[in-house]
Amino acid sequence: MKRHKETCSYYPILLNIQGKKCLIVGGGTVSLRKVQALLEHGANIEIVSPDFCPELEKLAQEGAIKATRRDYKPEDLKGAFITIAATDDNKINDSVSAEARRVGIPVNVVDDSDSSDFIAPSYFRRGDIIVAVSTSGRSPALARKIRSELERDFHPEYAQLALLADEIRSELKQQGVTVSSNAWQEVLTLNSLIELLRRGKNREAKEIMLSKLKILEQKEP
């Protein structure tokens, strides 16, 4: 198959890591940032390093993560869902990357996209909504800048709207009603719905959405 000349090697995907082993090799501040992000998503984090920064020490003492104080060993990869190499030693990072790939475990090497199977985007959350920005490893600083600008204008009511849309989808499904993607796009007139939710008129917003959906579906051929 001929590849398009503009093809990007990274395929955007959201992984369910809740309760799954995520191995981090390295115990510094970079590892800490990775740990904090993984904890937000319920990962079972195991970290290996001869030394740990104070914040990681505290997390280990609290039982939030499993910390092993020694050099990395290949057997640490056993059972891992994903692996992150975040040491300041390129040889160790390269070793982690090579061994993870050999056994089929996706690996991220911090600041080395060529040795990575995946990269972590800059993101923010509003409830179940996740907005992620990536420059495919070209400039993490630019990704953070763009994310910050998007975050400022992303209202918290979007999280309520996501829950409301899910509630409506479930009700319609129980009634045997299938709504087309085009109908949903037309109904989700964000400005007016967001304003209603901001004023606490959730029921009114739901009634408007349901009414419009049913009208649109009747018009479908």
N, C-alpha and C. Protein backbone atom coordinates (compact mmCIF):
# COMPACT_ATOMS: atom_id res chain seq x y z
N MET A 1 0.84 -1.20 0.00
CA MET A 1 0.00 0.00 0.00
C MET A 1 0.88 1.25 0.00
N LYS A 2 0.56 2.17 -0.90
CA LYS A 2 1.35 3.40 -0.99
C LYS A 2 1.05 4.32 0.18
N ARG A 3 2.09 4.83 0.82
CA ARG A 3 1.92 5.72 1.96
C ARG A 3 1.79 7.16 1.49
N HIS A 4 0.88 7.88 2.09
CA HIS A 4 0.72 9.29 1.79
C HIS A 4 1.95 10.04 2.29
N LYS A 5 2.41 11.00 1.50
CA LYS A 5 3.64 11.70 1.86
C LYS A 5 3.52 12.51 3.15
N GLU A 6 2.26 12.82 3.55
CA GLU A 6 2.06 13.58 4.79
C GLU A 6 1.77 12.67 5.98
N THR A 7 1.96 11.37 5.84
CA THR A 7 1.65 10.43 6.91
C THR A 7 2.47 10.73 8.17
N CYS A 8 1.77 10.72 9.31
CA CYS A 8 2.44 10.86 10.62
C CYS A 8 2.55 9.47 11.25
N SER A 9 3.67 9.19 11.85
CA SER A 9 3.89 7.84 12.39
C SER A 9 3.10 7.57 13.67
N TYR A 10 2.58 8.63 14.31
CA TYR A 10 1.87 8.44 15.58
C TYR A 10 0.36 8.42 15.36
N TYR A 11 -0.25 7.36 15.86
CA TYR A 11 -1.69 7.18 15.77
C TYR A 11 -2.30 7.57 17.11
N PRO A 12 -3.14 8.61 17.18
CA PRO A 12 -3.71 9.04 18.46
C PRO A 12 -4.60 7.95 19.05
N ILE A 13 -4.40 7.65 20.32
CA ILE A 13 -5.17 6.58 20.96
C ILE A 13 -5.25 6.86 22.46
N LEU A 14 -6.35 6.47 23.09
CA LEU A 14 -6.51 6.59 24.54
C LEU A 14 -6.52 5.18 25.12
N LEU A 15 -5.63 4.92 26.06
CA LEU A 15 -5.50 3.60 26.65
C LEU A 15 -6.16 3.53 28.02
N ASN A 16 -6.81 2.42 28.30
CA ASN A 16 -7.34 2.17 29.64
C ASN A 16 -6.23 1.49 30.45
N ILE A 17 -5.62 2.23 31.37
CA ILE A 17 -4.51 1.68 32.16
C ILE A 17 -4.92 1.41 33.60
N GLN A 18 -6.20 1.55 33.91
CA GLN A 18 -6.65 1.35 35.29
C GLN A 18 -6.35 -0.06 35.77
N GLY A 19 -5.62 -0.15 36.89
CA GLY A 19 -5.29 -1.43 37.48
C GLY A 19 -4.22 -2.21 36.76
N LYS A 20 -3.61 -1.62 35.73
CA LYS A 20 -2.60 -2.33 34.95
C LYS A 20 -1.19 -1.88 35.34
N LYS A 21 -0.26 -2.80 35.28
CA LYS A 21 1.12 -2.51 35.67
C LYS A 21 1.77 -1.58 34.66
N CYS A 22 2.24 -0.45 35.16
CA CYS A 22 3.01 0.49 34.35
C CYS A 22 4.37 0.64 35.00
N LEU A 23 5.39 0.20 34.31
CA LEU A 23 6.75 0.22 34.86
C LEU A 23 7.46 1.50 34.46
N ILE A 24 8.05 2.16 35.46
CA ILE A 24 8.87 3.35 35.21
C ILE A 24 10.27 3.07 35.72
N VAL A 25 11.24 3.31 34.87
CA VAL A 25 12.64 3.13 35.25
C VAL A 25 13.24 4.52 35.41
N GLY A 26 13.68 4.84 36.63
CA GLY A 26 14.19 6.17 36.94
C GLY A 26 13.47 6.75 38.12
N GLY A 27 14.18 7.52 38.93
CA GLY A 27 13.57 8.01 40.17
C GLY A 27 13.66 9.50 40.38
N GLY A 28 13.83 10.27 39.31
CA GLY A 28 13.96 11.72 39.44
C GLY A 28 12.67 12.48 39.22
N THR A 29 12.80 13.77 38.98
CA THR A 29 11.62 14.63 38.83
C THR A 29 10.84 14.33 37.55
N VAL A 30 11.54 13.88 36.50
CA VAL A 30 10.84 13.51 35.27
C VAL A 30 9.95 12.30 35.54
N SER A 31 10.50 11.33 36.25
CA SER A 31 9.70 10.15 36.63
C SER A 31 8.51 10.55 37.48
N LEU A 32 8.73 11.51 38.36
CA LEU A 32 7.64 11.97 39.22
C LEU A 32 6.48 12.50 38.40
N ARG A 33 6.76 13.30 37.37
CA ARG A 33 5.69 13.83 36.52
C ARG A 33 4.94 12.70 35.84
N LYS A 34 5.66 11.68 35.40
CA LYS A 34 5.01 10.54 34.75
C LYS A 34 4.14 9.79 35.76
N VAL A 35 4.65 9.60 36.95
CA VAL A 35 3.91 8.91 38.00
C VAL A 35 2.62 9.65 38.33
N GLN A 36 2.72 10.97 38.49
CA GLN A 36 1.53 11.75 38.84
C GLN A 36 0.44 11.64 37.77
N ALA A 37 0.84 11.65 36.50
CA ALA A 37 -0.14 11.52 35.42
C ALA A 37 -0.76 10.13 35.41
N LEU A 38 0.05 9.10 35.62
CA LEU A 38 -0.46 7.73 35.62
C LEU A 38 -1.39 7.47 36.81
N LEU A 39 -1.07 8.06 37.95
CA LEU A 39 -1.91 7.90 39.13
C LEU A 39 -3.31 8.49 38.89
N GLU A 40 -3.39 9.56 38.12
CA GLU A 40 -4.67 10.18 37.83
C GLU A 40 -5.60 9.22 37.07
N HIS A 41 -4.99 8.22 36.44
CA HIS A 41 -5.78 7.30 35.63
C HIS A 41 -5.80 5.88 36.20
N GLY A 42 -5.46 5.76 37.47
CA GLY A 42 -5.65 4.50 38.18
C GLY A 42 -4.67 3.40 37.85
N ALA A 43 -3.47 3.76 37.38
CA ALA A 43 -2.49 2.74 37.01
C ALA A 43 -1.89 2.07 38.25
N ASN A 44 -1.44 0.84 38.08
CA ASN A 44 -0.69 0.13 39.11
C ASN A 44 0.79 0.37 38.80
N ILE A 45 1.38 1.31 39.49
CA ILE A 45 2.71 1.80 39.11
C ILE A 45 3.81 1.11 39.90
N GLU A 46 4.80 0.62 39.16
CA GLU A 46 6.01 0.07 39.75
C GLU A 46 7.19 0.87 39.20
N ILE A 47 8.04 1.32 40.09
CA ILE A 47 9.17 2.15 39.70
C ILE A 47 10.46 1.56 40.23
N VAL A 48 11.47 1.55 39.40
CA VAL A 48 12.76 0.95 39.75
C VAL A 48 13.86 1.98 39.57
N SER A 49 14.67 2.16 40.62
CA SER A 49 15.78 3.10 40.55
C SER A 49 16.64 2.95 41.80
N PRO A 50 17.96 3.19 41.68
CA PRO A 50 18.80 3.16 42.88
C PRO A 50 18.44 4.26 43.88
N ASP A 51 17.90 5.38 43.36
CA ASP A 51 17.55 6.52 44.21
C ASP A 51 16.22 7.11 43.77
N PHE A 52 15.53 7.73 44.73
CA PHE A 52 14.25 8.36 44.43
C PHE A 52 14.23 9.78 44.97
N CYS A 53 13.56 10.68 44.25
CA CYS A 53 13.38 12.03 44.76
C CYS A 53 12.42 11.97 45.96
N PRO A 54 12.43 12.98 46.81
CA PRO A 54 11.60 12.95 48.04
C PRO A 54 10.12 12.70 47.78
N GLU A 55 9.59 13.27 46.70
CA GLU A 55 8.16 13.12 46.41
C GLU A 55 7.82 11.67 46.07
N LEU A 56 8.72 11.00 45.35
CA LEU A 56 8.49 9.59 45.04
C LEU A 56 8.63 8.72 46.29
N GLU A 57 9.58 9.09 47.14
CA GLU A 57 9.74 8.38 48.42
C GLU A 57 8.44 8.44 49.22
N LYS A 58 7.83 9.61 49.24
CA LYS A 58 6.60 9.79 50.00
C LYS A 58 5.46 8.95 49.41
N LEU A 59 5.35 8.96 48.08
CA LEU A 59 4.31 8.17 47.43
C LEU A 59 4.48 6.68 47.71
N ALA A 60 5.74 6.24 47.75
CA ALA A 60 6.02 4.84 48.06
C ALA A 60 5.64 4.51 49.50
N GLN A 61 5.97 5.40 50.42
CA GLN A 61 5.64 5.19 51.83
C GLN A 61 4.13 5.15 52.04
N GLU A 62 3.41 5.91 51.24
CA GLU A 62 1.95 5.96 51.37
C GLU A 62 1.28 4.78 50.67
N GLY A 63 2.07 4.00 49.95
CA GLY A 63 1.52 2.85 49.25
C GLY A 63 0.87 3.16 47.92
N ALA A 64 1.08 4.39 47.43
CA ALA A 64 0.49 4.77 46.15
C ALA A 64 1.21 4.13 44.98
N ILE A 65 2.49 3.84 45.16
CA ILE A 65 3.29 3.18 44.13
C ILE A 65 4.17 2.12 44.78
N LYS A 66 4.66 1.19 43.97
CA LYS A 66 5.61 0.20 44.45
C LYS A 66 6.99 0.63 43.96
N ALA A 67 7.90 0.88 44.89
CA ALA A 67 9.23 1.36 44.53
C ALA A 67 10.28 0.32 44.91
N THR A 68 11.13 0.01 43.95
CA THR A 68 12.22 -0.94 44.18
C THR A 68 13.54 -0.20 44.04
N ARG A 69 14.31 -0.17 45.14
CA ARG A 69 15.53 0.62 45.15
C ARG A 69 16.73 -0.26 44.70
N ARG A 70 16.96 -0.28 43.44
CA ARG A 70 18.11 -0.99 42.85
C ARG A 70 18.18 -0.64 41.38
N ASP A 71 19.21 -1.15 40.70
CA ASP A 71 19.33 -0.96 39.26
C ASP A 71 18.25 -1.77 38.53
N TYR A 72 17.90 -1.29 37.38
CA TYR A 72 16.91 -1.97 36.53
C TYR A 72 17.41 -3.33 36.09
N LYS A 73 16.47 -4.30 36.06
CA LYS A 73 16.75 -5.63 35.53
C LYS A 73 15.69 -5.98 34.49
N PRO A 74 16.05 -6.75 33.46
CA PRO A 74 15.07 -7.10 32.42
C PRO A 74 13.81 -7.75 32.98
N GLU A 75 13.94 -8.52 34.05
CA GLU A 75 12.76 -9.20 34.61
C GLU A 75 11.75 -8.22 35.20
N ASP A 76 12.14 -6.96 35.40
CA ASP A 76 11.19 -5.95 35.89
C ASP A 76 10.05 -5.73 34.90
N LEU A 77 10.29 -6.08 33.64
CA LEU A 77 9.29 -5.87 32.60
C LEU A 77 8.13 -6.87 32.66
N LYS A 78 8.31 -7.94 33.39
CA LYS A 78 7.31 -9.00 33.41
C LYS A 78 5.95 -8.46 33.85
N GLY A 79 4.96 -8.70 33.01
CA GLY A 79 3.59 -8.30 33.34
C GLY A 79 3.26 -6.85 33.09
N ALA A 80 4.21 -6.08 32.56
CA ALA A 80 3.97 -4.66 32.34
C ALA A 80 3.07 -4.43 31.14
N PHE A 81 2.16 -3.48 31.26
CA PHE A 81 1.29 -3.09 30.16
C PHE A 81 1.97 -2.05 29.28
N ILE A 82 2.63 -1.09 29.93
CA ILE A 82 3.49 -0.13 29.24
C ILE A 82 4.72 0.11 30.10
N THR A 83 5.75 0.65 29.48
CA THR A 83 7.00 0.94 30.18
C THR A 83 7.49 2.32 29.81
N ILE A 84 8.03 3.00 30.80
CA ILE A 84 8.61 4.33 30.57
C ILE A 84 10.04 4.34 31.09
N ALA A 85 10.98 4.70 30.23
CA ALA A 85 12.38 4.85 30.64
C ALA A 85 12.66 6.33 30.84
N ALA A 86 12.98 6.70 32.08
CA ALA A 86 13.14 8.12 32.40
C ALA A 86 14.38 8.36 33.25
N THR A 87 15.48 7.68 32.93
CA THR A 87 16.72 7.90 33.66
C THR A 87 17.55 8.95 32.92
N ASP A 88 18.64 9.38 33.55
CA ASP A 88 19.56 10.31 32.88
C ASP A 88 20.74 9.57 32.26
N ASP A 89 20.59 8.26 32.10
CA ASP A 89 21.63 7.42 31.51
C ASP A 89 21.10 6.83 30.21
N ASN A 90 21.65 7.28 29.08
CA ASN A 90 21.17 6.83 27.77
C ASN A 90 21.32 5.33 27.58
N LYS A 91 22.37 4.76 28.14
CA LYS A 91 22.58 3.32 27.98
C LYS A 91 21.47 2.52 28.66
N ILE A 92 21.08 2.97 29.85
CA ILE A 92 19.99 2.28 30.54
C ILE A 92 18.69 2.45 29.78
N ASN A 93 18.42 3.67 29.34
CA ASN A 93 17.19 3.92 28.58
C ASN A 93 17.14 3.07 27.31
N ASP A 94 18.28 2.99 26.61
CA ASP A 94 18.33 2.18 25.39
C ASP A 94 18.10 0.71 25.70
N SER A 95 18.64 0.26 26.82
CA SER A 95 18.47 -1.13 27.21
C SER A 95 17.00 -1.44 27.52
N VAL A 96 16.36 -0.54 28.25
CA VAL A 96 14.93 -0.71 28.57
C VAL A 96 14.11 -0.75 27.28
N SER A 97 14.41 0.17 26.37
CA SER A 97 13.68 0.24 25.11
C SER A 97 13.85 -1.05 24.31
N ALA A 98 15.07 -1.51 24.17
CA ALA A 98 15.33 -2.71 23.37
C ALA A 98 14.65 -3.95 23.96
N GLU A 99 14.75 -4.08 25.29
CA GLU A 99 14.16 -5.27 25.93
C GLU A 99 12.64 -5.23 25.92
N ALA A 100 12.07 -4.05 26.09
CA ALA A 100 10.61 -3.92 26.05
C ALA A 100 10.09 -4.26 24.67
N ARG A 101 10.76 -3.77 23.66
CA ARG A 101 10.33 -4.06 22.29
C ARG A 101 10.49 -5.54 21.97
N ARG A 102 11.52 -6.15 22.50
CA ARG A 102 11.76 -7.57 22.23
C ARG A 102 10.63 -8.43 22.76
N VAL A 103 10.06 -8.05 23.91
CA VAL A 103 8.99 -8.84 24.51
C VAL A 103 7.60 -8.27 24.19
N GLY A 104 7.55 -7.24 23.33
CA GLY A 104 6.27 -6.73 22.87
C GLY A 104 5.54 -5.80 23.82
N ILE A 105 6.28 -5.06 24.66
CA ILE A 105 5.67 -4.12 25.59
C ILE A 105 5.91 -2.70 25.07
N PRO A 106 4.86 -1.92 24.83
CA PRO A 106 5.05 -0.54 24.36
C PRO A 106 5.91 0.26 25.33
N VAL A 107 6.86 1.00 24.80
CA VAL A 107 7.81 1.73 25.63
C VAL A 107 7.90 3.19 25.22
N ASN A 108 8.05 4.04 26.20
CA ASN A 108 8.33 5.45 25.97
C ASN A 108 9.66 5.79 26.62
N VAL A 109 10.56 6.34 25.83
CA VAL A 109 11.83 6.83 26.36
C VAL A 109 11.74 8.35 26.36
N VAL A 110 11.81 8.93 27.54
CA VAL A 110 11.63 10.37 27.68
C VAL A 110 12.64 11.14 26.83
N ASP A 111 12.14 12.09 26.05
CA ASP A 111 12.97 12.95 25.19
C ASP A 111 13.72 12.17 24.12
N ASP A 112 13.20 11.02 23.72
CA ASP A 112 13.82 10.23 22.66
C ASP A 112 12.72 9.51 21.88
N SER A 113 12.09 10.23 20.97
CA SER A 113 10.96 9.65 20.24
C SER A 113 11.40 8.50 19.33
N ASP A 114 12.64 8.54 18.85
CA ASP A 114 13.11 7.46 17.97
C ASP A 114 13.17 6.12 18.68
N SER A 115 13.38 6.14 19.99
CA SER A 115 13.46 4.89 20.77
C SER A 115 12.13 4.53 21.42
N SER A 116 11.10 5.29 21.09
CA SER A 116 9.80 5.12 21.75
C SER A 116 8.76 4.53 20.81
N ASP A 117 7.85 3.73 21.38
CA ASP A 117 6.68 3.24 20.64
C ASP A 117 5.51 4.20 20.79
N PHE A 118 5.52 4.99 21.86
CA PHE A 118 4.46 5.96 22.06
C PHE A 118 5.03 7.18 22.76
N ILE A 119 4.34 8.30 22.61
CA ILE A 119 4.71 9.51 23.32
C ILE A 119 3.48 10.03 24.04
N ALA A 120 3.70 10.73 25.14
CA ALA A 120 2.58 11.24 25.93
C ALA A 120 2.28 12.68 25.51
N PRO A 121 1.05 12.97 25.12
CA PRO A 121 0.71 14.34 24.72
C PRO A 121 0.55 15.24 25.93
N SER A 122 0.52 16.52 25.68
CA SER A 122 0.14 17.48 26.72
C SER A 122 -1.38 17.53 26.72
N TYR A 123 -2.00 17.40 27.88
CA TYR A 123 -3.46 17.28 27.89
C TYR A 123 -4.08 17.97 29.10
N PHE A 124 -5.38 18.18 29.02
CA PHE A 124 -6.14 18.60 30.19
C PHE A 124 -7.48 17.90 30.16
N ARG A 125 -8.13 17.86 31.33
CA ARG A 125 -9.40 17.13 31.45
C ARG A 125 -10.50 18.04 31.96
N ARG A 126 -11.69 17.77 31.48
CA ARG A 126 -12.92 18.34 32.04
C ARG A 126 -13.86 17.16 32.22
N GLY A 127 -13.86 16.58 33.41
CA GLY A 127 -14.65 15.38 33.63
C GLY A 127 -14.12 14.25 32.76
N ASP A 128 -15.00 13.68 31.93
CA ASP A 128 -14.61 12.59 31.04
C ASP A 128 -14.05 13.07 29.71
N ILE A 129 -14.03 14.38 29.51
CA ILE A 129 -13.49 14.92 28.27
C ILE A 129 -11.99 15.13 28.43
N ILE A 130 -11.23 14.60 27.49
CA ILE A 130 -9.78 14.78 27.48
C ILE A 130 -9.39 15.49 26.19
N VAL A 131 -8.70 16.59 26.32
CA VAL A 131 -8.20 17.32 25.16
C VAL A 131 -6.68 17.20 25.18
N ALA A 132 -6.13 16.56 24.14
CA ALA A 132 -4.69 16.30 24.10
C ALA A 132 -4.06 16.98 22.89
N VAL A 133 -2.84 17.46 23.08
CA VAL A 133 -2.10 18.14 22.02
C VAL A 133 -0.72 17.52 21.92
N SER A 134 -0.32 17.22 20.70
CA SER A 134 1.01 16.65 20.48
C SER A 134 1.65 17.27 19.26
N THR A 135 2.96 17.43 19.31
CA THR A 135 3.72 17.86 18.14
C THR A 135 4.53 16.69 17.58
N SER A 136 4.09 15.47 17.91
CA SER A 136 4.79 14.24 17.48
C SER A 136 6.24 14.23 17.95
N GLY A 137 6.44 14.81 19.14
CA GLY A 137 7.77 14.80 19.73
C GLY A 137 8.67 15.93 19.27
N ARG A 138 8.20 16.77 18.36
CA ARG A 138 9.03 17.85 17.83
C ARG A 138 9.31 18.93 18.85
N SER A 139 8.26 19.33 19.57
CA SER A 139 8.42 20.41 20.55
C SER A 139 7.40 20.27 21.67
N PRO A 140 7.74 19.54 22.74
CA PRO A 140 6.83 19.42 23.88
C PRO A 140 6.43 20.77 24.46
N ALA A 141 7.35 21.75 24.40
CA ALA A 141 7.05 23.08 24.93
C ALA A 141 5.92 23.73 24.14
N LEU A 142 5.93 23.57 22.83
CA LEU A 142 4.87 24.13 21.99
C LEU A 142 3.55 23.42 22.27
N ALA A 143 3.59 22.11 22.46
CA ALA A 143 2.38 21.37 22.78
C ALA A 143 1.77 21.89 24.09
N ARG A 144 2.61 22.15 25.09
CA ARG A 144 2.10 22.68 26.37
C ARG A 144 1.51 24.07 26.19
N LYS A 145 2.16 24.88 25.33
CA LYS A 145 1.67 26.24 25.08
C LYS A 145 0.28 26.20 24.44
N ILE A 146 0.12 25.37 23.43
CA ILE A 146 -1.18 25.26 22.75
C ILE A 146 -2.23 24.72 23.71
N ARG A 147 -1.85 23.71 24.51
CA ARG A 147 -2.79 23.15 25.49
C ARG A 147 -3.26 24.22 26.47
N SER A 148 -2.34 25.06 26.94
CA SER A 148 -2.69 26.10 27.91
C SER A 148 -3.68 27.09 27.32
N GLU A 149 -3.49 27.43 26.05
CA GLU A 149 -4.40 28.37 25.41
C GLU A 149 -5.78 27.76 25.22
N LEU A 150 -5.83 26.49 24.84
CA LEU A 150 -7.12 25.81 24.70
C LEU A 150 -7.83 25.67 26.05
N GLU A 151 -7.05 25.38 27.08
CA GLU A 151 -7.61 25.14 28.41
C GLU A 151 -8.30 26.38 28.96
N ARG A 152 -7.77 27.55 28.67
CA ARG A 152 -8.35 28.78 29.19
C ARG A 152 -9.78 28.99 28.70
N ASP A 153 -10.07 28.56 27.48
CA ASP A 153 -11.38 28.82 26.89
C ASP A 153 -12.31 27.60 26.93
N PHE A 154 -11.88 26.55 27.60
CA PHE A 154 -12.67 25.32 27.63
C PHE A 154 -13.47 25.29 28.93
N HIS A 155 -14.75 25.56 28.80
CA HIS A 155 -15.60 25.75 29.98
C HIS A 155 -15.86 24.44 30.73
N PRO A 156 -15.97 24.50 32.06
CA PRO A 156 -16.25 23.29 32.84
C PRO A 156 -17.60 22.66 32.50
N GLU A 157 -18.50 23.44 31.91
CA GLU A 157 -19.82 22.91 31.54
C GLU A 157 -19.73 21.83 30.46
N TYR A 158 -18.62 21.77 29.74
CA TYR A 158 -18.47 20.72 28.73
C TYR A 158 -18.55 19.34 29.38
N ALA A 159 -18.03 19.23 30.60
CA ALA A 159 -18.09 17.94 31.31
C ALA A 159 -19.54 17.56 31.58
N GLN A 160 -20.36 18.54 31.97
CA GLN A 160 -21.78 18.27 32.20
C GLN A 160 -22.48 17.88 30.90
N LEU A 161 -22.10 18.54 29.81
CA LEU A 161 -22.72 18.24 28.52
C LEU A 161 -22.40 16.81 28.07
N ALA A 162 -21.18 16.36 28.34
CA ALA A 162 -20.80 14.99 27.99
C ALA A 162 -21.66 13.98 28.75
N LEU A 163 -21.88 14.24 30.03
CA LEU A 163 -22.72 13.35 30.84
C LEU A 163 -24.17 13.36 30.35
N LEU A 164 -24.63 14.55 29.99
CA LEU A 164 -26.01 14.69 29.51
C LEU A 164 -26.19 13.95 28.19
N ALA A 165 -25.23 14.08 27.28
CA ALA A 165 -25.31 13.39 25.99
C ALA A 165 -25.30 11.87 26.18
N ASP A 166 -24.49 11.41 27.12
CA ASP A 166 -24.42 9.97 27.40
C ASP A 166 -25.76 9.48 27.97
N GLU A 167 -26.36 10.28 28.83
CA GLU A 167 -27.65 9.93 29.43
C GLU A 167 -28.72 9.83 28.35
N ILE A 168 -28.71 10.78 27.43
CA ILE A 168 -29.70 10.77 26.34
C ILE A 168 -29.48 9.58 25.42
N ARG A 169 -28.23 9.30 25.08
CA ARG A 169 -27.92 8.16 24.22
C ARG A 169 -28.43 6.86 24.83
N SER A 170 -28.24 6.71 26.15
CA SER A 170 -28.69 5.50 26.83
C SER A 170 -30.21 5.37 26.80
N GLU A 171 -30.91 6.48 27.04
CA GLU A 171 -32.37 6.45 27.04
C GLU A 171 -32.92 6.11 25.65
N LEU A 172 -32.32 6.72 24.63
CA LEU A 172 -32.79 6.46 23.27
C LEU A 172 -32.50 5.03 22.85
N LYS A 173 -31.36 4.52 23.29
CA LYS A 173 -31.00 3.13 22.96
C LYS A 173 -32.01 2.17 23.58
N GLN A 174 -32.41 2.44 24.82
CA GLN A 174 -33.40 1.59 25.48
C GLN A 174 -34.75 1.63 24.75
N GLN A 175 -35.02 2.76 24.09
CA GLN A 175 -36.28 2.91 23.35
C GLN A 175 -36.16 2.36 21.93
N GLY A 176 -34.97 1.86 21.59
CA GLY A 176 -34.75 1.33 20.25
C GLY A 176 -34.56 2.40 19.19
N VAL A 177 -34.20 3.60 19.63
CA VAL A 177 -34.00 4.72 18.70
C VAL A 177 -32.52 4.87 18.39
N THR A 178 -32.19 4.87 17.12
CA THR A 178 -30.82 5.07 16.69
C THR A 178 -30.68 6.46 16.09
N VAL A 179 -29.72 7.21 16.60
CA VAL A 179 -29.52 8.59 16.14
C VAL A 179 -28.26 8.66 15.29
N SER A 180 -28.37 9.27 14.14
CA SER A 180 -27.22 9.37 13.24
C SER A 180 -26.18 10.36 13.78
N SER A 181 -24.98 10.20 13.32
CA SER A 181 -23.90 11.11 13.71
C SER A 181 -24.19 12.54 13.27
N ASN A 182 -24.78 12.69 12.09
CA ASN A 182 -25.11 14.03 11.59
C ASN A 182 -26.13 14.72 12.47
N ALA A 183 -27.10 13.95 12.97
CA ALA A 183 -28.12 14.53 13.85
C ALA A 183 -27.50 15.02 15.14
N TRP A 184 -26.60 14.22 15.70
CA TRP A 184 -25.92 14.63 16.92
C TRP A 184 -25.13 15.91 16.69
N GLN A 185 -24.44 15.99 15.56
CA GLN A 185 -23.65 17.18 15.27
C GLN A 185 -24.52 18.43 15.21
N GLU A 186 -25.72 18.28 14.64
CA GLU A 186 -26.61 19.43 14.53
C GLU A 186 -27.21 19.82 15.88
N VAL A 187 -27.46 18.82 16.72
CA VAL A 187 -28.07 19.09 18.03
C VAL A 187 -27.09 19.73 19.00
N LEU A 188 -25.83 19.34 18.90
CA LEU A 188 -24.85 19.84 19.85
C LEU A 188 -24.39 21.25 19.49
N THR A 189 -25.35 22.16 19.55
CA THR A 189 -25.05 23.58 19.36
C THR A 189 -24.48 24.10 20.67
N LEU A 190 -23.17 24.12 20.74
CA LEU A 190 -22.50 24.26 22.03
C LEU A 190 -22.82 25.54 22.78
N ASN A 191 -22.83 26.67 22.11
CA ASN A 191 -22.99 27.93 22.83
C ASN A 191 -24.29 27.99 23.62
N SER A 192 -25.41 27.62 22.98
CA SER A 192 -26.69 27.70 23.67
C SER A 192 -26.81 26.66 24.78
N LEU A 193 -26.33 25.45 24.53
CA LEU A 193 -26.39 24.41 25.55
C LEU A 193 -25.49 24.72 26.74
N ILE A 194 -24.30 25.20 26.45
CA ILE A 194 -23.37 25.55 27.53
C ILE A 194 -23.95 26.65 28.40
N GLU A 195 -24.63 27.62 27.78
CA GLU A 195 -25.23 28.71 28.55
C GLU A 195 -26.33 28.19 29.48
N LEU A 196 -27.14 27.26 28.99
CA LEU A 196 -28.18 26.68 29.84
C LEU A 196 -27.56 25.92 31.01
N LEU A 197 -26.53 25.14 30.74
CA LEU A 197 -25.87 24.38 31.81
C LEU A 197 -25.20 25.32 32.81
N ARG A 198 -24.65 26.42 32.32
CA ARG A 198 -24.01 27.39 33.23
C ARG A 198 -25.04 27.98 34.18
N ARG A 199 -26.27 28.10 33.72
CA ARG A 199 -27.34 28.67 34.54
C ARG A 199 -28.06 27.60 35.34
N GLY A 200 -27.55 26.36 35.30
CA GLY A 200 -28.14 25.29 36.09
C GLY A 200 -29.40 24.70 35.51
N LYS A 201 -29.67 24.97 34.23
CA LYS A 201 -30.90 24.48 33.60
C LYS A 201 -30.61 23.19 32.83
N ASN A 202 -30.17 22.18 33.55
CA ASN A 202 -29.81 20.91 32.92
C ASN A 202 -31.02 20.22 32.31
N ARG A 203 -32.15 20.23 33.03
CA ARG A 203 -33.35 19.56 32.52
C ARG A 203 -33.82 20.20 31.23
N GLU A 204 -33.78 21.54 31.18
CA GLU A 204 -34.20 22.25 29.97
C GLU A 204 -33.28 21.90 28.80
N ALA A 205 -31.98 21.84 29.07
CA ALA A 205 -31.03 21.49 28.02
C ALA A 205 -31.30 20.08 27.49
N LYS A 206 -31.59 19.17 28.39
CA LYS A 206 -31.89 17.78 27.99
C LYS A 206 -33.14 17.72 27.15
N GLU A 207 -34.20 18.43 27.54
CA GLU A 207 -35.44 18.41 26.79
C GLU A 207 -35.26 18.97 25.39
N ILE A 208 -34.47 20.02 25.28
CA ILE A 208 -34.21 20.63 23.97
C ILE A 208 -33.46 19.65 23.08
N MET A 209 -32.45 18.99 23.64
CA MET A 209 -31.66 18.03 22.86
C MET A 209 -32.52 16.86 22.40
N LEU A 210 -33.33 16.31 23.29
CA LEU A 210 -34.19 15.18 22.94
C LEU A 210 -35.20 15.56 21.86
N SER A 211 -35.79 16.73 22.01
CA SER A 211 -36.78 17.19 21.05
C SER A 211 -36.17 17.36 19.66
N LYS A 212 -35.00 17.98 19.60
CA LYS A 212 -34.34 18.20 18.32
C LYS A 212 -33.92 16.88 17.67
N LEU A 213 -33.42 15.96 18.49
CA LEU A 213 -32.98 14.67 17.96
C LEU A 213 -34.14 13.91 17.32
N LYS A 214 -35.28 13.91 17.99
CA LYS A 214 -36.43 13.18 17.46
C LYS A 214 -36.95 13.82 16.18
N ILE A 215 -36.91 15.14 16.12
CA ILE A 215 -37.35 15.84 14.91
C ILE A 215 -36.42 15.52 13.74
N LEU A 216 -35.14 15.56 14.01
CA LEU A 216 -34.15 15.30 12.96
C LEU A 216 -34.23 13.87 12.47
N GLU A 217 -34.45 12.93 13.38
CA GLU A 217 -34.52 11.52 12.97
C GLU A 217 -35.76 11.26 12.12
N GLN A 218 -36.85 12.01 12.37
CA GLN A 218 -38.05 11.86 11.55
C GLN A 218 -37.83 12.34 10.13
N LYS A 219 -36.86 13.28 9.97
CA LYS A 219 -36.56 13.82 8.65
C LYS A 219 -35.61 12.92 7.86
N GLU A 220 -34.96 12.00 8.56
CA GLU A 220 -34.00 11.14 7.89
C GLU A 220 -34.74 10.24 6.88
N PRO A 221 -34.17 10.04 5.68
CA PRO A 221 -34.84 9.21 4.67
C PRO A 221 -34.88 7.76 5.11
